[in-house]
Each structure stands twice: as C-alpha cells, then as structure tokens.
N, C-alpha and C. Protein backbone atom coordinates (compact mmCIF):
# COMPACT_ATOMS: atom_id res chain seq x y z
N UNK A 1 -10.74 9.59 11.71
CA UNK A 1 -10.42 8.27 11.21
C UNK A 1 -11.73 7.53 10.97
N UNK A 2 -11.74 6.82 9.96
CA UNK A 2 -12.95 6.15 9.56
C UNK A 2 -13.04 4.77 10.20
N UNK A 3 -14.25 4.35 10.44
CA UNK A 3 -14.50 3.11 11.16
C UNK A 3 -13.98 1.89 10.39
N UNK A 4 -14.09 1.93 9.10
CA UNK A 4 -13.61 0.82 8.28
C UNK A 4 -12.09 0.62 8.44
N UNK A 5 -11.35 1.71 8.52
CA UNK A 5 -9.91 1.62 8.71
C UNK A 5 -9.56 0.98 10.05
N UNK A 6 -10.28 1.35 11.09
CA UNK A 6 -10.03 0.78 12.42
C UNK A 6 -10.37 -0.71 12.44
N UNK A 7 -11.46 -1.09 11.81
CA UNK A 7 -11.84 -2.51 11.75
C UNK A 7 -10.79 -3.30 10.97
N UNK A 8 -10.33 -2.76 9.85
CA UNK A 8 -9.31 -3.44 9.06
C UNK A 8 -8.00 -3.56 9.83
N UNK A 9 -7.60 -2.50 10.52
CA UNK A 9 -6.36 -2.54 11.29
C UNK A 9 -6.48 -3.52 12.46
N UNK A 10 -7.63 -3.57 13.11
CA UNK A 10 -7.82 -4.51 14.21
C UNK A 10 -7.78 -5.95 13.70
N UNK A 11 -8.36 -6.18 12.53
CA UNK A 11 -8.30 -7.51 11.92
C UNK A 11 -6.85 -7.90 11.61
N UNK A 12 -6.07 -6.94 11.12
CA UNK A 12 -4.66 -7.21 10.86
C UNK A 12 -3.90 -7.53 12.14
N UNK A 13 -4.22 -6.84 13.23
CA UNK A 13 -3.57 -7.12 14.52
C UNK A 13 -3.86 -8.54 14.95
N UNK A 14 -5.12 -8.93 14.90
CA UNK A 14 -5.50 -10.28 15.32
C UNK A 14 -4.83 -11.33 14.43
N UNK A 15 -4.84 -11.11 13.12
CA UNK A 15 -4.23 -12.06 12.19
C UNK A 15 -2.73 -12.17 12.40
N UNK A 16 -2.05 -11.04 12.55
CA UNK A 16 -0.59 -11.06 12.72
C UNK A 16 -0.21 -11.70 14.06
N UNK A 17 -0.98 -11.44 15.10
CA UNK A 17 -0.69 -12.08 16.39
C UNK A 17 -0.91 -13.59 16.31
N UNK A 18 -1.98 -14.00 15.63
CA UNK A 18 -2.22 -15.43 15.48
C UNK A 18 -1.07 -16.09 14.71
N UNK A 19 -0.63 -15.45 13.62
CA UNK A 19 0.48 -16.02 12.84
C UNK A 19 1.77 -16.05 13.64
N UNK A 20 1.97 -15.06 14.48
CA UNK A 20 3.19 -15.01 15.27
C UNK A 20 3.22 -16.03 16.39
N UNK A 21 2.08 -16.29 17.00
CA UNK A 21 2.04 -17.18 18.16
C UNK A 21 1.63 -18.61 17.84
N UNK A 22 1.06 -18.84 16.68
CA UNK A 22 0.57 -20.17 16.33
C UNK A 22 1.72 -21.11 15.99
N UNK A 23 1.62 -22.33 16.43
CA UNK A 23 2.62 -23.33 16.09
C UNK A 23 2.39 -23.89 14.69
N UNK A 24 1.21 -23.69 14.14
CA UNK A 24 0.94 -24.22 12.80
C UNK A 24 1.55 -23.34 11.70
N UNK A 25 1.96 -22.13 12.03
CA UNK A 25 2.62 -21.26 11.06
C UNK A 25 4.12 -21.35 11.31
N UNK A 26 4.82 -22.03 10.43
CA UNK A 26 6.25 -22.26 10.58
C UNK A 26 7.02 -21.29 9.69
N UNK A 27 7.17 -20.06 10.13
CA UNK A 27 7.84 -19.05 9.33
C UNK A 27 9.22 -18.68 9.84
N UNK A 28 9.63 -19.21 10.96
CA UNK A 28 10.95 -18.90 11.47
C UNK A 28 11.02 -17.49 12.05
N UNK A 29 12.22 -17.07 12.33
CA UNK A 29 12.44 -15.78 12.97
C UNK A 29 12.07 -14.61 12.06
N UNK A 30 12.45 -14.69 10.81
CA UNK A 30 12.17 -13.59 9.89
C UNK A 30 10.66 -13.38 9.73
N UNK A 31 9.92 -14.47 9.57
CA UNK A 31 8.48 -14.37 9.45
C UNK A 31 7.83 -13.81 10.71
N UNK A 32 8.32 -14.25 11.87
CA UNK A 32 7.77 -13.75 13.14
C UNK A 32 8.03 -12.25 13.29
N UNK A 33 9.21 -11.79 12.85
CA UNK A 33 9.51 -10.36 12.91
C UNK A 33 8.61 -9.55 11.98
N UNK A 34 8.34 -10.08 10.80
CA UNK A 34 7.45 -9.37 9.87
C UNK A 34 6.04 -9.31 10.44
N UNK A 35 5.57 -10.42 11.01
CA UNK A 35 4.24 -10.42 11.62
C UNK A 35 4.17 -9.46 12.81
N UNK A 36 5.25 -9.38 13.59
CA UNK A 36 5.29 -8.44 14.72
C UNK A 36 5.24 -7.00 14.22
N UNK A 37 5.96 -6.71 13.14
CA UNK A 37 5.94 -5.36 12.58
C UNK A 37 4.55 -5.01 12.07
N UNK A 38 3.88 -5.96 11.43
CA UNK A 38 2.52 -5.71 10.95
C UNK A 38 1.59 -5.42 12.13
N UNK A 39 1.72 -6.19 13.21
CA UNK A 39 0.86 -5.98 14.38
C UNK A 39 1.12 -4.61 15.01
N UNK A 40 2.37 -4.23 15.14
CA UNK A 40 2.70 -2.94 15.77
C UNK A 40 2.24 -1.77 14.90
N UNK A 41 2.46 -1.87 13.60
CA UNK A 41 2.01 -0.80 12.71
C UNK A 41 0.50 -0.69 12.68
N UNK A 42 -0.19 -1.81 12.72
CA UNK A 42 -1.66 -1.78 12.76
C UNK A 42 -2.15 -1.20 14.07
N UNK A 43 -1.45 -1.50 15.15
CA UNK A 43 -1.81 -0.91 16.45
C UNK A 43 -1.65 0.60 16.42
N UNK A 44 -0.63 1.10 15.74
CA UNK A 44 -0.44 2.54 15.61
C UNK A 44 -1.61 3.17 14.85
N UNK A 45 -2.15 2.45 13.89
CA UNK A 45 -3.30 2.97 13.15
C UNK A 45 -4.53 3.01 14.05
N UNK A 46 -4.72 1.98 14.87
CA UNK A 46 -5.90 1.91 15.74
C UNK A 46 -5.88 3.00 16.81
N UNK A 47 -4.70 3.30 17.37
CA UNK A 47 -4.64 4.29 18.46
C UNK A 47 -4.46 5.71 17.93
N UNK A 48 -4.66 5.90 16.64
CA UNK A 48 -4.67 7.22 16.00
C UNK A 48 -3.34 7.95 16.05
N UNK A 49 -2.25 7.23 16.09
CA UNK A 49 -0.94 7.90 16.03
C UNK A 49 -0.23 7.56 14.73
N UNK A 50 -0.99 7.28 13.71
CA UNK A 50 -0.42 6.87 12.43
C UNK A 50 -0.09 8.09 11.57
N UNK A 51 1.04 8.01 10.91
CA UNK A 51 1.42 9.01 9.92
C UNK A 51 1.46 8.31 8.56
N UNK A 52 1.84 9.06 7.55
CA UNK A 52 1.95 8.46 6.22
C UNK A 52 3.05 7.39 6.22
N UNK A 53 4.09 7.59 7.03
CA UNK A 53 5.16 6.61 7.14
C UNK A 53 4.63 5.27 7.63
N UNK A 54 3.66 5.29 8.55
CA UNK A 54 3.09 4.05 9.09
C UNK A 54 2.42 3.24 7.99
N UNK A 55 1.65 3.91 7.17
CA UNK A 55 0.96 3.21 6.08
C UNK A 55 1.97 2.68 5.06
N UNK A 56 3.01 3.45 4.77
CA UNK A 56 4.03 2.99 3.83
C UNK A 56 4.80 1.79 4.39
N UNK A 57 5.11 1.84 5.67
CA UNK A 57 5.83 0.72 6.29
C UNK A 57 4.96 -0.53 6.30
N UNK A 58 3.66 -0.37 6.49
CA UNK A 58 2.75 -1.51 6.47
C UNK A 58 2.73 -2.15 5.08
N UNK A 59 2.72 -1.33 4.04
CA UNK A 59 2.76 -1.85 2.68
C UNK A 59 4.09 -2.57 2.42
N UNK A 60 5.19 -2.01 2.92
CA UNK A 60 6.49 -2.65 2.75
C UNK A 60 6.53 -4.00 3.48
N UNK A 61 5.92 -4.08 4.66
CA UNK A 61 5.88 -5.35 5.39
C UNK A 61 5.11 -6.41 4.62
N UNK A 62 3.99 -6.03 4.03
CA UNK A 62 3.23 -7.00 3.22
C UNK A 62 4.00 -7.39 1.97
N UNK A 63 4.73 -6.44 1.38
CA UNK A 63 5.56 -6.78 0.22
C UNK A 63 6.67 -7.75 0.62
N UNK A 64 7.29 -7.52 1.78
CA UNK A 64 8.33 -8.43 2.26
C UNK A 64 7.76 -9.81 2.53
N UNK A 65 6.56 -9.86 3.06
CA UNK A 65 5.91 -11.15 3.29
C UNK A 65 5.64 -11.87 1.97
N UNK A 66 5.24 -11.13 0.96
CA UNK A 66 5.01 -11.73 -0.36
C UNK A 66 6.29 -12.22 -1.01
N UNK A 67 7.36 -11.45 -0.91
CA UNK A 67 8.64 -11.86 -1.48
C UNK A 67 9.16 -13.09 -0.74
N UNK A 68 9.02 -13.11 0.57
CA UNK A 68 9.46 -14.26 1.36
C UNK A 68 8.67 -15.51 0.99
N UNK A 69 7.36 -15.35 0.82
CA UNK A 69 6.52 -16.47 0.44
C UNK A 69 6.94 -17.01 -0.94
N UNK A 70 7.18 -16.12 -1.88
CA UNK A 70 7.62 -16.54 -3.22
C UNK A 70 8.95 -17.29 -3.14
N UNK A 71 9.88 -16.77 -2.34
CA UNK A 71 11.18 -17.42 -2.20
C UNK A 71 11.02 -18.81 -1.60
N UNK A 72 10.25 -18.94 -0.54
CA UNK A 72 10.11 -20.23 0.13
C UNK A 72 9.39 -21.24 -0.74
N UNK A 73 8.43 -20.81 -1.54
CA UNK A 73 7.66 -21.74 -2.36
C UNK A 73 8.34 -22.13 -3.65
N UNK A 74 9.13 -21.24 -4.25
CA UNK A 74 9.65 -21.53 -5.58
C UNK A 74 11.16 -21.61 -5.66
N UNK A 75 11.87 -20.78 -4.94
CA UNK A 75 13.31 -20.70 -5.13
C UNK A 75 14.14 -21.45 -4.09
N UNK A 76 13.62 -21.70 -2.92
CA UNK A 76 14.42 -22.28 -1.85
C UNK A 76 14.99 -23.64 -2.23
N UNK A 77 14.18 -24.50 -2.81
CA UNK A 77 14.65 -25.84 -3.18
C UNK A 77 15.74 -25.74 -4.23
N UNK A 78 15.57 -24.86 -5.20
CA UNK A 78 16.58 -24.70 -6.24
C UNK A 78 17.89 -24.18 -5.67
N UNK A 79 17.80 -23.21 -4.76
CA UNK A 79 19.01 -22.65 -4.15
C UNK A 79 19.72 -23.71 -3.32
N UNK A 80 18.98 -24.46 -2.53
CA UNK A 80 19.59 -25.52 -1.71
C UNK A 80 20.20 -26.62 -2.58
N UNK A 81 19.54 -26.98 -3.67
CA UNK A 81 20.10 -27.98 -4.59
C UNK A 81 21.38 -27.47 -5.22
N UNK A 82 21.41 -26.19 -5.59
CA UNK A 82 22.61 -25.61 -6.19
C UNK A 82 23.77 -25.58 -5.19
N UNK A 83 23.47 -25.23 -3.95
CA UNK A 83 24.52 -25.22 -2.91
C UNK A 83 25.05 -26.62 -2.67
N UNK A 84 24.17 -27.60 -2.63
CA UNK A 84 24.60 -28.99 -2.43
C UNK A 84 25.44 -29.46 -3.61
N UNK A 85 25.06 -29.08 -4.81
CA UNK A 85 25.84 -29.46 -6.00
C UNK A 85 27.19 -28.77 -6.00
N UNK A 86 27.23 -27.50 -5.60
CA UNK A 86 28.50 -26.76 -5.60
C UNK A 86 29.46 -27.32 -4.56
N UNK A 87 28.93 -27.84 -3.46
CA UNK A 87 29.79 -28.40 -2.43
C UNK A 87 30.35 -29.77 -2.83
N UNK A 88 29.52 -30.57 -3.49
CA UNK A 88 29.93 -31.94 -3.85
C UNK A 88 29.75 -32.19 -5.35
N UNK A 89 30.59 -31.59 -6.17
CA UNK A 89 30.45 -31.87 -7.60
C UNK A 89 30.87 -33.31 -7.90
N UNK A 90 30.16 -33.92 -8.81
CA UNK A 90 30.45 -35.34 -9.12
C UNK A 90 31.32 -35.48 -10.31
C-alpha cells in the first residue's frame, strides 16, 4: 500500500468524524450515517483490509453525499412548496 493512499484515507477519517460529531454540520441522521460509512471504509483502507468493494463503496458514499447536497440546496424548497400547495389548494 502506498503512503499517499494511507494519508488520504486518514484525512478522510478525520474529516468524516469531524462532520459526524460537529454541531456546526447540520446533516441529520442520513448525513451522519453517510459520514460514518466514509469513516469506516477509510479505516478499512488504513488497516490494509480493503478490497475493491471497499473502494467502490467509498465512491458510492461520496456520490450519495453529492446527491444529498444537491437535493438539499436546490430541490428541497421546491418539494416542500409543492407539498404545501397540494395540501391547501386555494
């Protein structure tokens, strides 16, 4: 295993733990679970028990984080407005 990979995985562990435990990151339960998965998968890379599945799961976790971020920033307000309109049509 190369040193750069271990440094990158350790950085991901520290970042994911900070995001999971910090009160300034308000991501709710789903976000905390994604950050926990990133930390655990990165830990598997650091302790040399990583397989190709580990790297693929890590990429999927980052993709899920990106999709969640896009939803929260752009679509959430529209979806909530639509639900409110559907409940109380004028």
